[in-house]
Amino acid sequence: MIELAAALEGTALAQHLKASRWTYPFVNAGHVFGIALLVGAVIPMDIAILRNRPAVVAFLRPFAGIGLFGAAMAGALLFATQATDYAASPWFQAKMALLIVALLNAAWHLRARGKALRRAAWLSLALWPGVLLLGRLVAYG
């Protein structure tokens, strides 16, 4: 795993991101924007599910998907710049584990109906803020 992370850090793209005055901050801002769009859509969407407002859910779901895509793409680029450090970080490992659970819940969310959908919404309301918190702790751990 460490060899793969080191190889990723050594790529031209990772080196460019590390050295660039503008690209890294732009990608970082893209990650933050994607997270804001994702969580900014997911939280009201889950509340709408709990309040039985399907039209609101249908309206917000594409924003959540776009936010997830943007956050994931930018996050992968950010990971490449310090892959060995991130791969060894217990905070990053916890974030990725919780992210996987949140994504599995999101997949369940798409197919669930009735009480199962409500359970998925409650779980989502706990998982995504947890992913956010662990993501911030990565920077300080």
C-alpha atoms as a PDB file:
ATOM      1  CA  MET A   1       0.000   0.000   0.000  1.00  0.00           C
ATOM      2  CA  ILE A   2       2.782   2.436   0.898  1.00  0.00           C
ATOM      3  CA  GLU A   3       4.554   1.659  -2.388  1.00  0.00           C
ATOM      4  CA  LEU A   4       1.381   2.440  -4.323  1.00  0.00           C
ATOM      5  CA  ALA A   5       0.896   5.681  -2.371  1.00  0.00           C
ATOM      6  CA  ALA A   6       4.517   6.689  -3.001  1.00  0.00           C
ATOM      7  CA  ALA A   7       4.132   5.943  -6.709  1.00  0.00           C
ATOM      8  CA  LEU A   8       1.002   8.092  -6.800  1.00  0.00           C
ATOM      9  CA  GLU A   9       2.840  10.951  -5.098  1.00  0.00           C
ATOM     10  CA  GLY A  10       5.591  10.680  -7.677  1.00  0.00           C
ATOM     11  CA  THR A  11       3.325  11.184 -10.675  1.00  0.00           C
ATOM     12  CA  ALA A  12       3.674  14.304 -12.773  1.00  0.00           C
ATOM     13  CA  LEU A  13       0.162  15.369 -11.836  1.00  0.00           C
ATOM     14  CA  ALA A  14       0.857  15.121  -8.092  1.00  0.00           C
ATOM     15  CA  GLN A  15       4.131  16.987  -8.516  1.00  0.00           C
ATOM     16  CA  HIS A  16       2.386  19.708 -10.501  1.00  0.00           C
ATOM     17  CA  LEU A  17      -0.274  20.095  -7.809  1.00  0.00           C
ATOM     18  CA  LYS A  18       2.417  20.369  -5.106  1.00  0.00           C
ATOM     19  CA  ALA A  19       4.423  22.939  -7.022  1.00  0.00           C
ATOM     20  CA  SER A  20       1.648  25.035  -8.525  1.00  0.00           C
ATOM     21  CA  ARG A  21       0.761  28.326  -6.961  1.00  0.00           C
ATOM     22  CA  TRP A  22      -2.762  28.221  -8.395  1.00  0.00           C
ATOM     23  CA  THR A  23      -3.767  24.659  -9.264  1.00  0.00           C
ATOM     24  CA  TYR A  24      -3.652  23.191  -5.750  1.00  0.00           C
ATOM     25  CA  PRO A  25      -5.758  25.977  -4.198  1.00  0.00           C
ATOM     26  CA  PHE A  26      -8.217  25.716  -7.090  1.00  0.00           C
ATOM     27  CA  VAL A  27      -8.550  21.937  -6.599  1.00  0.00           C
ATOM     28  CA  ASN A  28      -8.844  22.411  -2.836  1.00  0.00           C
ATOM     29  CA  ALA A  29     -11.619  24.960  -3.375  1.00  0.00           C
ATOM     30  CA  GLY A  30     -13.308  22.478  -5.722  1.00  0.00           C
ATOM     31  CA  HIS A  31     -13.216  19.852  -2.985  1.00  0.00           C
ATOM     32  CA  VAL A  32     -14.745  22.260  -0.478  1.00  0.00           C
ATOM     33  CA  PHE A  33     -17.391  23.353  -3.004  1.00  0.00           C
ATOM     34  CA  GLY A  34     -18.267  19.726  -3.802  1.00  0.00           C
ATOM     35  CA  ILE A  35     -18.609  18.925  -0.099  1.00  0.00           C
ATOM     36  CA  ALA A  36     -20.769  22.006   0.437  1.00  0.00           C
ATOM     37  CA  LEU A  37     -23.020  21.046  -2.462  1.00  0.00           C
ATOM     38  CA  LEU A  38     -23.224  17.425  -1.318  1.00  0.00           C
ATOM     39  CA  VAL A  39     -23.954  18.055   2.346  1.00  0.00           C
ATOM     40  CA  GLY A  40     -25.991  21.155   1.552  1.00  0.00           C
ATOM     41  CA  ALA A  41     -28.300  18.940  -0.505  1.00  0.00           C
ATOM     42  CA  VAL A  42     -28.207  15.779   1.616  1.00  0.00           C
ATOM     43  CA  ILE A  43     -29.218  17.325   4.946  1.00  0.00           C
ATOM     44  CA  PRO A  44     -32.359  19.083   3.604  1.00  0.00           C
ATOM     45  CA  MET A  45     -33.102  16.023   1.457  1.00  0.00           C
ATOM     46  CA  ASP A  46     -33.060  13.764   4.511  1.00  0.00           C
ATOM     47  CA  ILE A  47     -35.258  16.202   6.407  1.00  0.00           C
ATOM     48  CA  ALA A  48     -37.633  16.257   3.443  1.00  0.00           C
ATOM     49  CA  ILE A  49     -37.790  12.456   3.539  1.00  0.00           C
ATOM     50  CA  LEU A  50     -38.633  12.562   7.239  1.00  0.00           C
ATOM     51  CA  ARG A  51     -41.354  15.142   6.516  1.00  0.00           C
ATOM     52  CA  ASN A  52     -42.667  13.155   3.530  1.00  0.00           C
ATOM     53  CA  ARG A  53     -41.860  15.785   0.890  1.00  0.00           C
ATOM     54  CA  PRO A  54     -40.926  13.723  -2.193  1.00  0.00           C
ATOM     55  CA  ALA A  55     -40.826  16.728  -4.544  1.00  0.00           C
ATOM     56  CA  VAL A  56     -38.079  18.330  -2.445  1.00  0.00           C
ATOM     57  CA  VAL A  57     -36.142  15.059  -2.436  1.00  0.00           C
ATOM     58  CA  ALA A  58     -36.420  14.771  -6.217  1.00  0.00           C
ATOM     59  CA  PHE A  59     -35.247  18.361  -6.631  1.00  0.00           C
ATOM     60  CA  LEU A  60     -32.208  17.991  -4.325  1.00  0.00           C
ATOM     61  CA  ARG A  61     -30.971  14.538  -5.365  1.00  0.00           C
ATOM     62  CA  PRO A  62     -29.113  15.737  -8.525  1.00  0.00           C
ATOM     63  CA  PHE A  63     -27.298  18.407  -6.506  1.00  0.00           C
ATOM     64  CA  ALA A  64     -26.129  15.769  -4.046  1.00  0.00           C
ATOM     65  CA  GLY A  65     -24.850  13.621  -6.921  1.00  0.00           C
ATOM     66  CA  ILE A  66     -22.988  16.494  -8.549  1.00  0.00           C
ATOM     67  CA  GLY A  67     -21.498  17.487  -5.197  1.00  0.00           C
ATOM     68  CA  LEU A  68     -20.376  13.916  -4.505  1.00  0.00           C
ATOM     69  CA  PHE A  69     -18.749  13.654  -7.915  1.00  0.00           C
ATOM     70  CA  GLY A  70     -16.940  16.985  -7.531  1.00  0.00           C
ATOM     71  CA  ALA A  71     -15.778  16.268  -3.985  1.00  0.00           C
ATOM     72  CA  ALA A  72     -14.533  12.808  -4.966  1.00  0.00           C
ATOM     73  CA  MET A  73     -12.635  13.984  -8.042  1.00  0.00           C
ATOM     74  CA  ALA A  74     -10.989  16.906  -6.269  1.00  0.00           C
ATOM     75  CA  GLY A  75     -10.359  14.770  -3.179  1.00  0.00           C
ATOM     76  CA  ALA A  76      -8.556  12.154  -5.255  1.00  0.00           C
ATOM     77  CA  LEU A  77      -6.292  14.861  -6.672  1.00  0.00           C
ATOM     78  CA  LEU A  78      -5.593  16.242  -3.192  1.00  0.00           C
ATOM     79  CA  PHE A  79      -4.855  12.727  -1.924  1.00  0.00           C
ATOM     80  CA  ALA A  80      -2.245  12.249  -4.657  1.00  0.00           C
ATOM     81  CA  THR A  81      -0.154  15.139  -3.336  1.00  0.00           C
ATOM     82  CA  GLN A  82       0.420  13.499   0.074  1.00  0.00           C
ATOM     83  CA  ALA A  83      -0.705   9.931  -0.484  1.00  0.00           C
ATOM     84  CA  THR A  84       1.805   8.310   1.890  1.00  0.00           C
ATOM     85  CA  ASP A  85       0.917  10.662   4.742  1.00  0.00           C
ATOM     86  CA  TYR A  86      -2.815  10.288   4.186  1.00  0.00           C
ATOM     87  CA  ALA A  87      -2.665   6.513   3.789  1.00  0.00           C
ATOM     88  CA  ALA A  88      -0.891   6.252   7.152  1.00  0.00           C
ATOM     89  CA  SER A  89      -3.253   8.655   8.942  1.00  0.00           C
ATOM     90  CA  PRO A  90      -5.765   6.989  11.276  1.00  0.00           C
ATOM     91  CA  TRP A  91      -8.067  10.003  10.798  1.00  0.00           C
ATOM     92  CA  PHE A  92      -7.975   9.571   7.022  1.00  0.00           C
ATOM     93  CA  GLN A  93      -8.552   5.821   7.338  1.00  0.00           C
ATOM     94  CA  ALA A  94     -11.534   6.471   9.621  1.00  0.00           C
ATOM     95  CA  LYS A  95     -12.876   9.081   7.194  1.00  0.00           C
ATOM     96  CA  MET A  96     -12.649   6.672   4.274  1.00  0.00           C
ATOM     97  CA  ALA A  97     -14.313   3.877   6.271  1.00  0.00           C
ATOM     98  CA  LEU A  98     -17.172   6.167   7.301  1.00  0.00           C
ATOM     99  CA  LEU A  99     -17.419   7.495   3.740  1.00  0.00           C
ATOM    100  CA  ILE A 100     -17.874   3.942   2.456  1.00  0.00           C
ATOM    101  CA  VAL A 101     -20.652   3.377   4.996  1.00  0.00           C
ATOM    102  CA  ALA A 102     -22.257   6.703   3.975  1.00  0.00           C
ATOM    103  CA  LEU A 103     -22.088   5.732   0.293  1.00  0.00           C
ATOM    104  CA  LEU A 104     -23.595   2.312   0.997  1.00  0.00           C
ATOM    105  CA  ASN A 105     -26.350   4.050   2.926  1.00  0.00           C
ATOM    106  CA  ALA A 106     -26.864   6.432  -0.015  1.00  0.00           C
ATOM    107  CA  ALA A 107     -27.280   3.421  -2.320  1.00  0.00           C
ATOM    108  CA  TRP A 108     -29.807   1.963   0.138  1.00  0.00           C
ATOM    109  CA  HIS A 109     -31.435   5.401   0.292  1.00  0.00           C
ATOM    110  CA  LEU A 110     -32.096   5.279  -3.467  1.00  0.00           C
ATOM    111  CA  ARG A 111     -33.951   1.961  -3.301  1.00  0.00           C
ATOM    112  CA  ALA A 112     -35.608   2.093   0.120  1.00  0.00           C
ATOM    113  CA  ARG A 113     -39.274   2.855   0.683  1.00  0.00           C
ATOM    114  CA  GLY A 114     -41.381   3.570   3.754  1.00  0.00           C
ATOM    115  CA  LYS A 115     -39.752   2.906   7.120  1.00  0.00           C
ATOM    116  CA  ALA A 116     -36.530   1.735   5.509  1.00  0.00           C
ATOM    117  CA  LEU A 117     -36.210   5.071   3.708  1.00  0.00           C
ATOM    118  CA  ARG A 118     -36.771   6.927   6.973  1.00  0.00           C
ATOM    119  CA  ARG A 119     -34.058   4.817   8.656  1.00  0.00           C
ATOM    120  CA  ALA A 120     -31.687   5.580   5.776  1.00  0.00           C
ATOM    121  CA  ALA A 121     -32.435   9.300   6.169  1.00  0.00           C
ATOM    122  CA  TRP A 122     -31.744   9.235   9.921  1.00  0.00           C
ATOM    123  CA  LEU A 123     -28.525   7.322   9.334  1.00  0.00           C
ATOM    124  CA  SER A 124     -27.508   9.755   6.608  1.00  0.00           C
ATOM    125  CA  LEU A 125     -28.043  12.675   8.990  1.00  0.00           C
ATOM    126  CA  ALA A 126     -25.446  11.092  11.287  1.00  0.00           C
ATOM    127  CA  LEU A 127     -22.987   9.770   8.701  1.00  0.00           C
ATOM    128  CA  TRP A 128     -22.315  12.800   6.493  1.00  0.00           C
ATOM    129  CA  PRO A 129     -21.498  15.204   9.350  1.00  0.00           C
ATOM    130  CA  GLY A 130     -19.243  12.455  10.708  1.00  0.00           C
ATOM    131  CA  VAL A 131     -17.400  12.260   7.399  1.00  0.00           C
ATOM    132  CA  LEU A 132     -17.018  16.058   7.480  1.00  0.00           C
ATOM    133  CA  LEU A 133     -15.652  16.027  11.021  1.00  0.00           C
ATOM    134  CA  LEU A 134     -13.140  13.286  10.275  1.00  0.00           C
ATOM    135  CA  GLY A 135     -12.084  15.120   7.118  1.00  0.00           C
ATOM    136  CA  ARG A 136     -11.233  18.207   9.155  1.00  0.00           C
ATOM    137  CA  LEU A 137      -9.364  16.103  11.706  1.00  0.00           C
ATOM    138  CA  VAL A 138      -7.150  14.711   8.918  1.00  0.00           C
ATOM    139  CA  ALA A 139      -5.601  18.160   8.574  1.00  0.00           C
ATOM    140  CA  TYR A 140      -4.722  18.299  12.264  1.00  0.00           C
ATOM    141  CA  GLY A 141      -3.720  14.707  12.966  1.00  0.00           C
END
